[in-house]
Amino acid sequence: MRAAYEQQYRGAKDHRSKYDKFQTELDQLAMTLRQVEAYNEQMKGEIAVTRRATYKAEESIMQLEGDKKVQDNLIDKLNEQLKRSQEELALHEAQLDAEH
């Protein structure tokens, strides 16, 4: 009877030892999982910030491109006016020279 008890006691002790070992391993895995989940949430936040910054930069670029087109059109108009004015000046100078 005593031998059976000691055998069961050792078996229970071995099971308890294995249980403690597995529980420690499970706790470590749970902690690692929480760390990975926290890191994933942090990355989601950083990705969202980067995405918003990218959209803002794209909007700024589009605005600058629009402003440049307006500026280019204005420069073209001013160049045309300058050319017409130079042609008128040349015509008036030719008329003035012809009168003298």
Protein backbone atom coordinates (compact mmCIF):
# COMPACT_ATOMS: atom_id res chain seq x y z
CA MET A 1 0.00 0.00 0.00
CA ARG A 2 2.76 2.40 0.91
CA ALA A 3 4.58 1.64 -2.36
CA ALA A 4 1.42 2.40 -4.36
CA TYR A 5 1.00 5.67 -2.47
CA GLU A 6 4.62 6.68 -3.09
CA GLN A 7 4.28 5.78 -6.76
CA GLN A 8 1.11 7.89 -7.06
CA TYR A 9 2.76 10.69 -5.09
CA ARG A 10 5.77 10.69 -7.46
CA GLY A 11 3.42 10.59 -10.46
CA ALA A 12 1.43 13.52 -9.08
CA LYS A 13 4.65 15.37 -8.31
CA ASP A 14 5.90 14.76 -11.88
CA HIS A 15 2.57 15.96 -13.28
CA ARG A 16 2.73 19.04 -11.07
CA SER A 17 6.28 19.73 -12.24
CA LYS A 18 5.24 19.36 -15.88
CA TYR A 19 2.19 21.54 -15.22
CA ASP A 20 4.34 24.27 -13.67
CA LYS A 21 6.78 24.07 -16.59
CA PHE A 22 3.99 24.30 -19.17
CA GLN A 23 2.26 27.08 -17.25
CA THR A 24 5.50 29.10 -17.19
CA GLU A 25 5.91 28.52 -20.91
CA LEU A 26 2.28 29.52 -21.52
CA ASP A 27 2.73 32.68 -19.44
CA GLN A 28 5.83 33.59 -21.46
CA LEU A 29 3.99 33.01 -24.72
CA ALA A 30 1.07 35.13 -23.51
CA MET A 31 3.47 37.94 -22.58
CA THR A 32 5.16 37.69 -25.99
CA LEU A 33 1.76 37.79 -27.68
CA ARG A 34 0.79 40.92 -25.74
CA GLN A 35 4.07 42.56 -26.76
CA VAL A 36 3.50 41.66 -30.42
CA GLU A 37 -0.07 42.98 -30.28
CA ALA A 38 1.13 46.22 -28.67
CA TYR A 39 3.82 46.56 -31.35
CA ASN A 40 1.21 45.95 -34.07
CA GLU A 41 -1.02 48.68 -32.62
CA GLN A 42 1.93 51.05 -32.45
CA MET A 43 2.79 50.28 -36.10
CA LYS A 44 -0.84 50.85 -37.14
CA GLY A 45 -0.68 54.26 -35.50
CA GLU A 46 2.61 55.14 -37.18
CA ILE A 47 1.31 53.93 -40.55
CA ALA A 48 -1.81 56.06 -40.14
CA VAL A 49 0.31 59.13 -39.32
CA THR A 50 2.57 58.46 -42.31
CA ARG A 51 -0.43 57.95 -44.58
CA ARG A 52 -1.97 61.26 -43.45
CA ALA A 53 1.35 63.04 -44.00
CA THR A 54 1.60 61.51 -47.48
CA TYR A 55 -1.91 62.64 -48.40
CA LYS A 56 -1.12 66.13 -47.12
CA ALA A 57 2.11 66.23 -49.14
CA GLU A 58 0.26 65.07 -52.26
CA GLU A 59 -2.34 67.80 -51.75
CA SER A 60 0.41 70.38 -51.35
CA ILE A 61 2.14 69.18 -54.52
CA MET A 62 -1.12 69.36 -56.47
CA GLN A 63 -1.72 72.89 -55.17
CA LEU A 64 1.81 73.95 -56.11
CA GLU A 65 1.42 72.44 -59.58
CA GLY A 66 -1.83 74.38 -60.04
CA ASP A 67 -0.18 77.59 -58.85
CA LYS A 68 2.72 76.99 -61.25
CA LYS A 69 0.32 76.60 -64.18
CA VAL A 70 -1.34 79.90 -63.29
CA GLN A 71 2.06 81.54 -62.98
CA ASP A 72 3.23 80.05 -66.30
CA ASN A 73 0.09 81.33 -68.04
CA LEU A 74 0.64 84.79 -66.59
CA ILE A 75 4.28 84.78 -67.75
CA ASP A 76 3.18 83.71 -71.25
CA LYS A 77 0.63 86.55 -71.38
CA LEU A 78 3.21 89.07 -70.16
CA ASN A 79 5.70 87.84 -72.77
CA GLU A 80 3.06 88.24 -75.48
CA GLN A 81 2.28 91.77 -74.26
CA LEU A 82 6.00 92.60 -74.22
CA LYS A 83 6.41 91.29 -77.77
CA ARG A 84 3.40 93.31 -78.99
CA SER A 85 4.68 96.39 -77.21
CA GLN A 86 8.14 95.97 -78.75
CA GLU A 87 6.55 95.56 -82.20
CA GLU A 88 4.44 98.70 -81.65
CA LEU A 89 7.52 100.58 -80.48
CA ALA A 90 9.44 99.47 -83.56
CA LEU A 91 6.52 100.54 -85.76
CA HIS A 92 6.27 103.95 -84.07
CA GLU A 93 10.03 104.43 -84.33
CA ALA A 94 9.89 103.56 -88.04
CA GLN A 95 7.03 106.03 -88.54
CA LEU A 96 8.93 108.70 -86.63
CA ASP A 97 12.07 108.09 -88.72
CA ALA A 98 9.97 108.25 -91.90
CA GLU A 99 8.53 111.62 -90.86
CA HIS A 100 11.97 113.12 -90.42
